[in-house]
């Protein structure tokens, strides 16, 4: 939000199918016996799992995508309510184990999960993906003066030339940093509405 933070830059995911500075979530189901496609989702028969209600990639964009593609709301009580896992790895594990039928996993988290829990990733498959949104940004305190923000941004961008950047970027599956227009993030406030 403007005033609370100053936007600095956004990581670029090392995936040529993703627009620079953006990310999305992959919709997964069980490899064996999972849902064929989004149109087959029926909240009376299938259980969705979310990270937690405030998770942008693991709940909010998932709910918007489900509403847009199937007409169903990712809400409710009792058997129709989504179960909360607490995080992407736990959601993958629940779908792999068959305790949930559908989940949305941040694309980078899914790539990282291939190393962290390869058996769980092998037990799921991607059946769809959400729309792309601006990636999680680097930000600075909103109380900083403009000159300090410029210095921090310049140093952050210069970090890409350091050996530590190469190691970090490799680990996190990043290709670069980019400076987007801060207004590009305004769309995120409209997703849950």
N, C-alpha and C. Protein backbone atom coordinates (compact mmCIF):
# COMPACT_ATOMS: atom_id res chain seq x y z
N UNK A 1 0.82 -1.21 0.00
CA UNK A 1 0.00 0.00 0.00
C UNK A 1 0.86 1.26 0.00
N UNK A 2 0.45 2.22 -0.78
CA UNK A 2 1.17 3.48 -0.88
C UNK A 2 1.22 4.12 0.50
N UNK A 3 2.40 4.62 0.86
CA UNK A 3 2.58 5.25 2.15
C UNK A 3 3.16 4.33 3.19
N UNK A 4 2.79 3.07 3.19
CA UNK A 4 3.34 2.11 4.14
C UNK A 4 4.68 1.56 3.66
N UNK A 5 4.81 1.45 2.33
CA UNK A 5 6.02 0.89 1.74
C UNK A 5 6.42 1.70 0.52
N UNK A 6 7.70 1.63 0.19
CA UNK A 6 8.20 2.12 -1.08
C UNK A 6 8.57 0.90 -1.91
N UNK A 7 8.05 0.82 -3.10
CA UNK A 7 8.39 -0.27 -4.00
C UNK A 7 9.84 -0.13 -4.46
N UNK A 8 10.57 -1.24 -4.49
CA UNK A 8 11.97 -1.22 -4.94
C UNK A 8 12.14 -1.96 -6.26
N UNK A 9 11.84 -3.24 -6.29
CA UNK A 9 12.04 -4.06 -7.49
C UNK A 9 11.31 -5.39 -7.31
N UNK A 10 11.25 -6.15 -8.39
CA UNK A 10 10.56 -7.44 -8.39
C UNK A 10 11.46 -8.50 -8.99
N UNK A 11 11.56 -9.66 -8.37
CA UNK A 11 12.32 -10.76 -8.97
C UNK A 11 11.68 -11.24 -10.27
N UNK A 12 12.52 -11.72 -11.18
CA UNK A 12 12.07 -12.32 -12.43
C UNK A 12 12.31 -13.82 -12.31
N UNK A 13 11.26 -14.60 -12.40
CA UNK A 13 11.34 -16.05 -12.29
C UNK A 13 12.09 -16.61 -13.50
N UNK A 14 12.92 -17.60 -13.27
CA UNK A 14 13.68 -18.25 -14.34
C UNK A 14 12.81 -19.28 -15.06
N UNK A 15 11.82 -18.77 -15.77
CA UNK A 15 10.87 -19.60 -16.51
C UNK A 15 10.40 -18.77 -17.70
N UNK A 16 10.75 -19.19 -18.89
CA UNK A 16 10.45 -18.39 -20.09
C UNK A 16 8.96 -18.28 -20.39
N UNK A 17 8.13 -19.09 -19.74
CA UNK A 17 6.69 -19.00 -19.98
C UNK A 17 6.01 -17.94 -19.11
N UNK A 18 6.78 -17.33 -18.20
CA UNK A 18 6.23 -16.36 -17.26
C UNK A 18 6.67 -14.96 -17.65
N UNK A 19 5.75 -14.01 -17.78
CA UNK A 19 6.14 -12.63 -18.08
C UNK A 19 7.08 -12.09 -17.00
N UNK A 20 8.06 -11.33 -17.41
CA UNK A 20 9.06 -10.79 -16.48
C UNK A 20 8.40 -10.04 -15.33
N UNK A 21 8.82 -10.38 -14.11
CA UNK A 21 8.29 -9.71 -12.93
C UNK A 21 6.93 -10.20 -12.48
N UNK A 22 6.49 -11.31 -13.00
CA UNK A 22 5.17 -11.85 -12.65
C UNK A 22 5.29 -13.28 -12.14
N UNK A 23 4.20 -13.79 -11.62
CA UNK A 23 4.12 -15.18 -11.18
C UNK A 23 2.67 -15.62 -11.19
N UNK A 24 2.47 -16.90 -11.00
CA UNK A 24 1.12 -17.43 -10.90
C UNK A 24 1.16 -18.73 -10.12
N UNK A 25 0.03 -19.37 -10.03
CA UNK A 25 -0.07 -20.65 -9.32
C UNK A 25 -0.51 -21.74 -10.27
N UNK A 26 -0.01 -22.94 -10.00
CA UNK A 26 -0.37 -24.13 -10.76
C UNK A 26 -1.45 -24.86 -9.98
N UNK A 27 -2.49 -25.28 -10.66
CA UNK A 27 -3.58 -26.02 -10.02
C UNK A 27 -3.23 -27.50 -10.13
N UNK A 28 -3.12 -28.16 -8.97
CA UNK A 28 -2.72 -29.57 -8.96
C UNK A 28 -3.81 -30.47 -8.44
N UNK A 29 -3.73 -31.72 -8.86
CA UNK A 29 -4.60 -32.79 -8.36
C UNK A 29 -3.74 -34.04 -8.27
N UNK A 30 -4.29 -35.11 -7.76
CA UNK A 30 -3.53 -36.35 -7.62
C UNK A 30 -3.22 -36.94 -9.00
N UNK A 31 -2.04 -37.50 -9.12
CA UNK A 31 -1.61 -38.15 -10.36
C UNK A 31 -2.56 -39.30 -10.71
N UNK A 32 -2.88 -40.10 -9.72
CA UNK A 32 -3.78 -41.24 -9.91
C UNK A 32 -5.11 -40.95 -9.23
N UNK A 33 -6.18 -40.98 -9.99
CA UNK A 33 -7.50 -40.78 -9.44
C UNK A 33 -7.88 -39.34 -9.15
N UNK A 34 -7.08 -38.39 -9.63
CA UNK A 34 -7.39 -36.98 -9.41
C UNK A 34 -8.49 -36.49 -10.34
N UNK A 35 -8.76 -35.22 -10.26
CA UNK A 35 -9.78 -34.58 -11.09
C UNK A 35 -9.23 -34.46 -12.52
N UNK A 36 -10.05 -34.74 -13.52
CA UNK A 36 -9.60 -34.67 -14.91
C UNK A 36 -9.28 -33.25 -15.36
N UNK A 37 -10.14 -32.30 -14.97
CA UNK A 37 -9.96 -30.90 -15.37
C UNK A 37 -10.79 -30.04 -14.43
N UNK A 38 -10.65 -28.74 -14.58
CA UNK A 38 -11.36 -27.82 -13.69
C UNK A 38 -12.87 -27.98 -13.79
N UNK A 39 -13.38 -28.25 -14.97
CA UNK A 39 -14.82 -28.39 -15.15
C UNK A 39 -15.38 -29.57 -14.36
N UNK A 40 -14.54 -30.54 -14.02
CA UNK A 40 -14.98 -31.72 -13.28
C UNK A 40 -15.05 -31.47 -11.77
N UNK A 41 -14.55 -30.33 -11.31
CA UNK A 41 -14.57 -30.04 -9.87
C UNK A 41 -16.00 -29.88 -9.38
N UNK A 42 -16.33 -30.60 -8.33
CA UNK A 42 -17.65 -30.53 -7.70
C UNK A 42 -17.42 -30.44 -6.19
N UNK A 43 -17.73 -29.29 -5.59
CA UNK A 43 -17.45 -29.13 -4.15
C UNK A 43 -18.21 -30.13 -3.27
N UNK A 44 -19.25 -30.76 -3.79
CA UNK A 44 -19.97 -31.76 -3.01
C UNK A 44 -19.17 -33.07 -2.95
N UNK A 45 -18.28 -33.28 -3.92
CA UNK A 45 -17.51 -34.53 -3.96
C UNK A 45 -16.01 -34.34 -3.78
N UNK A 46 -15.52 -33.13 -4.03
CA UNK A 46 -14.08 -32.89 -4.01
C UNK A 46 -13.70 -31.89 -2.92
N UNK A 47 -12.56 -32.11 -2.34
CA UNK A 47 -12.07 -31.24 -1.28
C UNK A 47 -10.91 -30.40 -1.82
N UNK A 48 -11.04 -29.09 -1.68
CA UNK A 48 -9.95 -28.16 -2.05
C UNK A 48 -9.14 -27.87 -0.79
N UNK A 49 -7.85 -27.62 -0.98
CA UNK A 49 -6.99 -27.24 0.13
C UNK A 49 -6.35 -25.89 -0.20
N UNK A 50 -6.33 -25.00 0.78
CA UNK A 50 -5.69 -23.70 0.63
C UNK A 50 -4.59 -23.58 1.68
N UNK A 51 -3.65 -22.67 1.46
CA UNK A 51 -2.62 -22.43 2.47
C UNK A 51 -3.28 -21.87 3.73
N UNK A 52 -3.88 -20.72 3.57
CA UNK A 52 -4.67 -20.02 4.59
C UNK A 52 -5.42 -18.93 3.85
N UNK A 53 -6.50 -18.42 4.40
CA UNK A 53 -7.35 -17.49 3.64
C UNK A 53 -6.65 -16.26 3.08
N UNK A 54 -5.60 -15.76 3.70
CA UNK A 54 -4.91 -14.56 3.22
C UNK A 54 -3.80 -14.83 2.22
N UNK A 55 -3.55 -16.07 1.88
CA UNK A 55 -2.48 -16.39 0.94
C UNK A 55 -2.89 -16.01 -0.48
N UNK A 56 -2.13 -15.10 -1.08
CA UNK A 56 -2.48 -14.65 -2.43
C UNK A 56 -2.39 -15.79 -3.43
N UNK A 57 -1.27 -16.51 -3.44
CA UNK A 57 -1.07 -17.57 -4.43
C UNK A 57 -1.72 -18.88 -4.05
N UNK A 58 -1.92 -19.12 -2.76
CA UNK A 58 -2.46 -20.39 -2.32
C UNK A 58 -3.91 -20.37 -1.91
N UNK A 59 -4.58 -19.22 -2.06
CA UNK A 59 -6.01 -19.14 -1.73
C UNK A 59 -6.74 -18.10 -2.57
N UNK A 60 -6.28 -16.85 -2.58
CA UNK A 60 -7.04 -15.76 -3.22
C UNK A 60 -7.12 -15.94 -4.73
N UNK A 61 -5.98 -16.16 -5.40
CA UNK A 61 -6.04 -16.36 -6.86
C UNK A 61 -6.68 -17.69 -7.21
N UNK A 62 -6.53 -18.67 -6.33
CA UNK A 62 -7.17 -19.98 -6.51
C UNK A 62 -8.69 -19.81 -6.50
N UNK A 63 -9.20 -19.08 -5.51
CA UNK A 63 -10.64 -18.85 -5.42
C UNK A 63 -11.17 -18.10 -6.64
N UNK A 64 -10.42 -17.08 -7.08
CA UNK A 64 -10.84 -16.32 -8.27
C UNK A 64 -10.84 -17.21 -9.51
N UNK A 65 -9.83 -18.04 -9.64
CA UNK A 65 -9.74 -18.93 -10.80
C UNK A 65 -10.87 -19.97 -10.78
N UNK A 66 -11.12 -20.54 -9.62
CA UNK A 66 -12.20 -21.52 -9.50
C UNK A 66 -13.55 -20.89 -9.82
N UNK A 67 -13.78 -19.69 -9.32
CA UNK A 67 -15.03 -18.98 -9.58
C UNK A 67 -15.19 -18.70 -11.08
N UNK A 68 -14.08 -18.27 -11.72
CA UNK A 68 -14.12 -17.94 -13.14
C UNK A 68 -14.29 -19.17 -14.03
N UNK A 69 -13.63 -20.28 -13.66
CA UNK A 69 -13.66 -21.46 -14.54
C UNK A 69 -14.79 -22.43 -14.26
N UNK A 70 -15.30 -22.44 -13.03
CA UNK A 70 -16.35 -23.42 -12.69
C UNK A 70 -17.63 -22.79 -12.15
N UNK A 71 -17.54 -21.52 -11.73
CA UNK A 71 -18.70 -20.88 -11.11
C UNK A 71 -18.81 -21.15 -9.62
N UNK A 72 -17.97 -22.02 -9.08
CA UNK A 72 -18.02 -22.34 -7.66
C UNK A 72 -17.24 -21.34 -6.83
N UNK A 73 -17.74 -21.09 -5.64
CA UNK A 73 -17.03 -20.28 -4.66
C UNK A 73 -16.14 -21.19 -3.82
N UNK A 74 -14.94 -20.77 -3.56
CA UNK A 74 -14.05 -21.53 -2.68
C UNK A 74 -14.30 -21.05 -1.26
N UNK A 75 -15.45 -21.43 -0.74
CA UNK A 75 -15.87 -21.03 0.60
C UNK A 75 -16.94 -21.98 1.04
N UNK A 76 -17.40 -21.79 2.21
CA UNK A 76 -18.49 -22.63 2.69
C UNK A 76 -18.18 -23.19 4.05
N UNK A 77 -19.06 -24.05 4.48
CA UNK A 77 -18.94 -24.66 5.80
C UNK A 77 -19.10 -26.16 5.65
N UNK A 78 -18.64 -26.88 6.62
CA UNK A 78 -18.78 -28.32 6.60
C UNK A 78 -17.93 -28.95 5.51
N UNK A 79 -18.45 -29.95 4.86
CA UNK A 79 -17.68 -30.72 3.87
C UNK A 79 -17.27 -29.89 2.66
N UNK A 80 -18.02 -28.83 2.32
CA UNK A 80 -17.70 -28.02 1.15
C UNK A 80 -16.61 -26.99 1.40
N UNK A 81 -16.29 -26.73 2.65
CA UNK A 81 -15.29 -25.72 2.98
C UNK A 81 -13.89 -26.23 2.64
N UNK A 82 -13.03 -25.34 2.11
CA UNK A 82 -11.66 -25.79 1.85
C UNK A 82 -10.94 -26.04 3.17
N UNK A 83 -10.06 -27.02 3.15
CA UNK A 83 -9.24 -27.30 4.32
C UNK A 83 -8.00 -26.41 4.24
N UNK A 84 -7.45 -26.02 5.37
CA UNK A 84 -6.26 -25.17 5.40
C UNK A 84 -5.04 -26.01 5.74
N UNK A 85 -4.00 -25.87 4.92
CA UNK A 85 -2.78 -26.66 5.12
C UNK A 85 -1.69 -25.89 5.86
N UNK A 86 -1.66 -24.58 5.70
CA UNK A 86 -0.60 -23.78 6.30
C UNK A 86 0.52 -23.42 5.35
N UNK A 87 0.60 -24.05 4.18
CA UNK A 87 1.66 -23.71 3.24
C UNK A 87 1.64 -24.59 2.01
N UNK A 88 2.40 -24.16 1.00
CA UNK A 88 2.41 -24.87 -0.28
C UNK A 88 2.89 -26.32 -0.16
N UNK A 89 3.97 -26.57 0.57
CA UNK A 89 4.47 -27.94 0.70
C UNK A 89 3.43 -28.84 1.35
N UNK A 90 2.77 -28.34 2.36
CA UNK A 90 1.73 -29.12 3.04
C UNK A 90 0.56 -29.38 2.10
N UNK A 91 0.19 -28.40 1.27
CA UNK A 91 -0.90 -28.60 0.31
C UNK A 91 -0.53 -29.68 -0.71
N UNK A 92 0.70 -29.63 -1.21
CA UNK A 92 1.15 -30.67 -2.14
C UNK A 92 1.06 -32.03 -1.46
N UNK A 93 1.52 -32.12 -0.23
CA UNK A 93 1.47 -33.37 0.52
C UNK A 93 0.06 -33.89 0.70
N UNK A 94 -0.89 -32.99 0.97
CA UNK A 94 -2.28 -33.41 1.16
C UNK A 94 -2.89 -33.93 -0.14
N UNK A 95 -2.59 -33.26 -1.25
CA UNK A 95 -3.11 -33.74 -2.54
C UNK A 95 -2.45 -35.07 -2.89
N UNK A 96 -1.14 -35.18 -2.66
CA UNK A 96 -0.42 -36.43 -2.94
C UNK A 96 -0.97 -37.59 -2.12
N UNK A 97 -1.33 -37.31 -0.87
CA UNK A 97 -1.83 -38.35 0.03
C UNK A 97 -3.30 -38.67 -0.18
N UNK A 98 -4.00 -37.83 -0.97
CA UNK A 98 -5.41 -38.07 -1.23
C UNK A 98 -6.34 -37.49 -0.19
N UNK A 99 -5.83 -36.67 0.73
CA UNK A 99 -6.71 -36.04 1.72
C UNK A 99 -7.32 -34.75 1.19
N UNK A 100 -6.86 -34.31 0.02
CA UNK A 100 -7.44 -33.17 -0.69
C UNK A 100 -7.36 -33.48 -2.18
N UNK A 101 -8.26 -32.88 -2.96
CA UNK A 101 -8.33 -33.17 -4.39
C UNK A 101 -7.75 -32.09 -5.28
N UNK A 102 -7.64 -30.88 -4.78
CA UNK A 102 -7.25 -29.75 -5.62
C UNK A 102 -6.55 -28.70 -4.77
N UNK A 103 -5.47 -28.13 -5.31
CA UNK A 103 -4.74 -27.07 -4.62
C UNK A 103 -4.10 -26.15 -5.64
N UNK A 104 -3.79 -24.93 -5.22
CA UNK A 104 -3.05 -23.97 -6.05
C UNK A 104 -1.69 -23.77 -5.42
N UNK A 105 -0.64 -24.00 -6.21
CA UNK A 105 0.72 -23.94 -5.70
C UNK A 105 1.49 -22.89 -6.50
N UNK A 106 2.05 -21.92 -5.81
CA UNK A 106 2.91 -20.92 -6.45
C UNK A 106 3.93 -21.64 -7.33
N UNK A 107 4.10 -21.17 -8.54
CA UNK A 107 4.97 -21.80 -9.54
C UNK A 107 6.40 -22.02 -9.01
N UNK A 108 6.97 -21.05 -8.33
CA UNK A 108 8.33 -21.21 -7.80
C UNK A 108 8.33 -22.22 -6.66
N UNK A 109 7.33 -22.16 -5.80
CA UNK A 109 7.24 -23.14 -4.70
C UNK A 109 7.13 -24.55 -5.25
N UNK A 110 6.40 -24.72 -6.35
CA UNK A 110 6.27 -26.05 -6.95
C UNK A 110 7.62 -26.53 -7.48
N UNK A 111 8.37 -25.63 -8.11
CA UNK A 111 9.71 -25.99 -8.60
C UNK A 111 10.62 -26.36 -7.43
N UNK A 112 10.57 -25.60 -6.36
CA UNK A 112 11.39 -25.89 -5.18
C UNK A 112 10.96 -27.19 -4.51
N UNK A 113 9.67 -27.50 -4.56
CA UNK A 113 9.16 -28.73 -3.96
C UNK A 113 9.71 -29.98 -4.64
N UNK A 114 10.08 -29.86 -5.90
CA UNK A 114 10.64 -31.01 -6.61
C UNK A 114 11.90 -31.52 -5.93
N UNK A 115 12.65 -30.62 -5.28
CA UNK A 115 13.84 -31.02 -4.52
C UNK A 115 13.49 -31.36 -3.08
N UNK A 116 12.56 -30.61 -2.49
CA UNK A 116 12.23 -30.77 -1.07
C UNK A 116 11.39 -32.02 -0.79
N UNK A 117 10.47 -32.33 -1.67
CA UNK A 117 9.58 -33.49 -1.46
C UNK A 117 9.25 -34.13 -2.81
N UNK A 118 10.26 -34.73 -3.44
CA UNK A 118 10.08 -35.28 -4.79
C UNK A 118 9.00 -36.35 -4.90
N UNK A 119 8.82 -37.16 -3.86
CA UNK A 119 7.79 -38.20 -3.93
C UNK A 119 6.40 -37.60 -3.98
N UNK A 120 6.18 -36.53 -3.19
CA UNK A 120 4.87 -35.86 -3.22
C UNK A 120 4.63 -35.21 -4.57
N UNK A 121 5.65 -34.55 -5.13
CA UNK A 121 5.48 -33.90 -6.43
C UNK A 121 5.20 -34.94 -7.51
N UNK A 122 5.85 -36.08 -7.43
CA UNK A 122 5.61 -37.15 -8.41
C UNK A 122 4.20 -37.72 -8.32
N UNK A 123 3.56 -37.54 -7.17
CA UNK A 123 2.21 -38.08 -6.96
C UNK A 123 1.11 -37.11 -7.34
N UNK A 124 1.47 -35.93 -7.87
CA UNK A 124 0.47 -34.95 -8.30
C UNK A 124 0.72 -34.57 -9.75
N UNK A 125 -0.27 -33.93 -10.35
CA UNK A 125 -0.12 -33.42 -11.71
C UNK A 125 -0.81 -32.07 -11.82
N UNK A 126 -0.33 -31.27 -12.74
CA UNK A 126 -0.89 -29.94 -12.98
C UNK A 126 -2.01 -30.06 -13.99
N UNK A 127 -3.18 -29.51 -13.65
CA UNK A 127 -4.31 -29.54 -14.59
C UNK A 127 -4.70 -28.16 -15.09
N UNK A 128 -4.18 -27.11 -14.48
CA UNK A 128 -4.52 -25.76 -14.92
C UNK A 128 -3.58 -24.79 -14.22
N UNK A 129 -3.72 -23.52 -14.50
CA UNK A 129 -2.95 -22.50 -13.80
C UNK A 129 -3.75 -21.21 -13.74
N UNK A 130 -3.43 -20.42 -12.73
CA UNK A 130 -4.12 -19.15 -12.55
C UNK A 130 -3.55 -18.10 -13.51
N UNK A 131 -4.18 -16.96 -13.54
CA UNK A 131 -3.66 -15.83 -14.30
C UNK A 131 -2.34 -15.37 -13.68
N UNK A 132 -1.57 -14.61 -14.45
CA UNK A 132 -0.31 -14.05 -13.95
C UNK A 132 -0.57 -12.73 -13.24
N UNK A 133 0.18 -12.52 -12.17
CA UNK A 133 0.11 -11.29 -11.39
C UNK A 133 1.52 -10.80 -11.12
N UNK A 134 1.69 -9.52 -10.82
CA UNK A 134 3.04 -9.04 -10.48
C UNK A 134 3.61 -9.85 -9.31
N UNK A 135 4.89 -10.14 -9.39
CA UNK A 135 5.55 -10.97 -8.39
C UNK A 135 5.72 -10.26 -7.06
N UNK A 136 6.06 -11.05 -6.05
CA UNK A 136 6.28 -10.50 -4.71
C UNK A 136 7.45 -9.53 -4.76
N UNK A 137 7.23 -8.28 -4.38
CA UNK A 137 8.27 -7.26 -4.55
C UNK A 137 9.21 -7.12 -3.35
N UNK A 138 10.34 -6.54 -3.62
CA UNK A 138 11.19 -6.01 -2.56
C UNK A 138 10.64 -4.63 -2.25
N UNK A 139 10.49 -4.32 -0.97
CA UNK A 139 9.96 -3.02 -0.56
C UNK A 139 10.84 -2.45 0.56
N UNK A 140 10.70 -1.16 0.77
CA UNK A 140 11.39 -0.46 1.87
C UNK A 140 10.33 0.26 2.70
N UNK A 141 10.70 0.61 3.89
CA UNK A 141 9.81 1.30 4.81
C UNK A 141 9.27 2.58 4.17
N UNK A 142 8.00 2.81 4.27
CA UNK A 142 7.35 3.99 3.70
C UNK A 142 7.80 5.30 4.30
N UNK A 143 8.43 5.26 5.47
CA UNK A 143 8.89 6.49 6.13
C UNK A 143 10.25 6.96 5.61
N UNK A 144 10.92 6.13 4.81
CA UNK A 144 12.23 6.53 4.30
C UNK A 144 12.11 7.68 3.31
N UNK A 145 13.08 8.59 3.29
CA UNK A 145 13.05 9.67 2.30
C UNK A 145 13.36 9.13 0.91
N UNK A 146 12.91 9.83 -0.14
CA UNK A 146 13.10 9.36 -1.51
C UNK A 146 14.55 9.05 -1.87
N UNK A 147 15.50 9.85 -1.39
CA UNK A 147 16.91 9.60 -1.73
C UNK A 147 17.37 8.26 -1.14
N UNK A 148 16.96 7.94 0.07
CA UNK A 148 17.33 6.66 0.68
C UNK A 148 16.73 5.50 -0.11
N UNK A 149 15.52 5.67 -0.58
CA UNK A 149 14.87 4.63 -1.38
C UNK A 149 15.65 4.41 -2.68
N UNK A 150 16.08 5.49 -3.32
CA UNK A 150 16.88 5.38 -4.55
C UNK A 150 18.18 4.62 -4.29
N UNK A 151 18.85 4.93 -3.19
CA UNK A 151 20.12 4.27 -2.85
C UNK A 151 19.88 2.78 -2.62
N UNK A 152 18.86 2.45 -1.87
CA UNK A 152 18.56 1.04 -1.59
C UNK A 152 18.24 0.30 -2.89
N UNK A 153 17.41 0.91 -3.74
CA UNK A 153 17.07 0.28 -5.02
C UNK A 153 18.32 0.08 -5.87
N UNK A 154 19.17 1.10 -5.96
CA UNK A 154 20.40 0.98 -6.76
C UNK A 154 21.28 -0.14 -6.24
N UNK A 155 21.42 -0.24 -4.92
CA UNK A 155 22.27 -1.29 -4.34
C UNK A 155 21.65 -2.68 -4.53
N UNK A 156 20.34 -2.74 -4.43
CA UNK A 156 19.65 -4.01 -4.67
C UNK A 156 19.89 -4.48 -6.11
N UNK A 157 19.73 -3.57 -7.07
CA UNK A 157 19.95 -3.93 -8.47
C UNK A 157 21.41 -4.25 -8.74
N UNK A 158 22.33 -3.56 -8.08
CA UNK A 158 23.76 -3.83 -8.24
C UNK A 158 24.14 -5.19 -7.66
N UNK A 159 23.38 -5.67 -6.71
CA UNK A 159 23.66 -6.98 -6.09
C UNK A 159 23.69 -8.09 -7.13
N UNK A 160 23.00 -7.89 -8.24
CA UNK A 160 22.95 -8.92 -9.30
C UNK A 160 24.33 -9.23 -9.87
N UNK A 161 25.31 -8.35 -9.65
CA UNK A 161 26.65 -8.58 -10.18
C UNK A 161 27.53 -9.35 -9.18
N UNK A 162 27.03 -9.62 -8.00
CA UNK A 162 27.80 -10.29 -6.95
C UNK A 162 27.66 -11.82 -7.04
N UNK A 163 28.69 -12.55 -6.67
CA UNK A 163 28.61 -14.02 -6.66
C UNK A 163 27.45 -14.54 -5.80
N UNK A 164 27.16 -13.86 -4.71
CA UNK A 164 26.06 -14.31 -3.84
C UNK A 164 24.72 -14.27 -4.58
N UNK A 165 24.57 -13.32 -5.52
CA UNK A 165 23.33 -13.26 -6.31
C UNK A 165 23.17 -14.54 -7.12
N UNK A 166 24.23 -14.99 -7.76
CA UNK A 166 24.15 -16.19 -8.59
C UNK A 166 23.70 -17.39 -7.76
N UNK A 167 24.26 -17.52 -6.57
CA UNK A 167 23.89 -18.64 -5.70
C UNK A 167 22.42 -18.52 -5.26
N UNK A 168 22.03 -17.33 -4.81
CA UNK A 168 20.66 -17.12 -4.37
C UNK A 168 19.68 -17.30 -5.52
N UNK A 169 20.00 -16.72 -6.67
CA UNK A 169 19.11 -16.81 -7.83
C UNK A 169 18.94 -18.26 -8.25
N UNK A 170 20.01 -19.02 -8.23
CA UNK A 170 19.92 -20.44 -8.58
C UNK A 170 19.04 -21.21 -7.61
N UNK A 171 19.21 -20.94 -6.34
CA UNK A 171 18.42 -21.63 -5.32
C UNK A 171 16.95 -21.29 -5.43
N UNK A 172 16.65 -20.01 -5.66
CA UNK A 172 15.26 -19.55 -5.69
C UNK A 172 14.64 -19.55 -7.09
N UNK A 173 15.37 -20.04 -8.08
CA UNK A 173 14.88 -20.14 -9.47
C UNK A 173 14.55 -18.76 -10.04
N UNK A 174 15.48 -17.81 -9.82
CA UNK A 174 15.31 -16.45 -10.33
C UNK A 174 16.29 -16.19 -11.47
N UNK A 175 15.90 -15.31 -12.38
CA UNK A 175 16.75 -14.94 -13.51
C UNK A 175 17.31 -13.53 -13.37
N UNK A 176 16.52 -12.65 -12.75
CA UNK A 176 16.90 -11.25 -12.71
C UNK A 176 16.02 -10.51 -11.72
N UNK A 177 16.23 -9.21 -11.63
CA UNK A 177 15.34 -8.29 -10.93
C UNK A 177 14.88 -7.27 -11.95
N UNK A 178 13.67 -6.79 -11.80
CA UNK A 178 13.12 -5.80 -12.72
C UNK A 178 12.40 -4.74 -11.90
N UNK A 179 12.38 -3.53 -12.41
CA UNK A 179 11.61 -2.46 -11.77
C UNK A 179 10.34 -2.27 -12.58
N UNK A 180 9.23 -2.65 -11.99
CA UNK A 180 7.93 -2.47 -12.61
C UNK A 180 7.38 -1.11 -12.21
N UNK A 181 6.32 -0.72 -12.85
CA UNK A 181 5.59 0.45 -12.40
C UNK A 181 4.83 0.03 -11.15
N UNK A 182 4.99 0.74 -10.07
CA UNK A 182 4.32 0.36 -8.82
C UNK A 182 2.82 0.23 -8.99
N UNK A 183 2.23 0.96 -9.93
CA UNK A 183 0.79 0.87 -10.19
C UNK A 183 0.40 -0.49 -10.78
N UNK A 184 1.37 -1.24 -11.31
CA UNK A 184 1.08 -2.58 -11.83
C UNK A 184 0.50 -3.47 -10.73
N UNK A 185 0.81 -3.17 -9.49
CA UNK A 185 0.36 -3.97 -8.36
C UNK A 185 -1.10 -3.68 -7.97
N UNK A 186 -1.67 -2.62 -8.50
CA UNK A 186 -3.05 -2.26 -8.14
C UNK A 186 -4.03 -3.39 -8.44
N UNK A 187 -3.78 -4.17 -9.48
CA UNK A 187 -4.68 -5.26 -9.86
C UNK A 187 -4.82 -6.29 -8.75
N UNK A 188 -3.82 -6.43 -7.92
CA UNK A 188 -3.87 -7.45 -6.87
C UNK A 188 -4.98 -7.19 -5.86
N UNK A 189 -5.31 -5.95 -5.65
CA UNK A 189 -6.36 -5.60 -4.70
C UNK A 189 -7.74 -5.95 -5.23
N UNK A 190 -7.87 -6.21 -6.52
CA UNK A 190 -9.17 -6.50 -7.12
C UNK A 190 -9.43 -8.00 -7.28
N UNK A 191 -8.45 -8.85 -7.02
CA UNK A 191 -8.58 -10.27 -7.31
C UNK A 191 -9.64 -10.94 -6.45
N UNK A 192 -9.68 -10.65 -5.18
CA UNK A 192 -10.62 -11.31 -4.29
C UNK A 192 -12.04 -10.79 -4.37
N UNK A 193 -12.22 -9.67 -5.08
CA UNK A 193 -13.53 -9.03 -5.10
C UNK A 193 -14.53 -9.60 -5.99
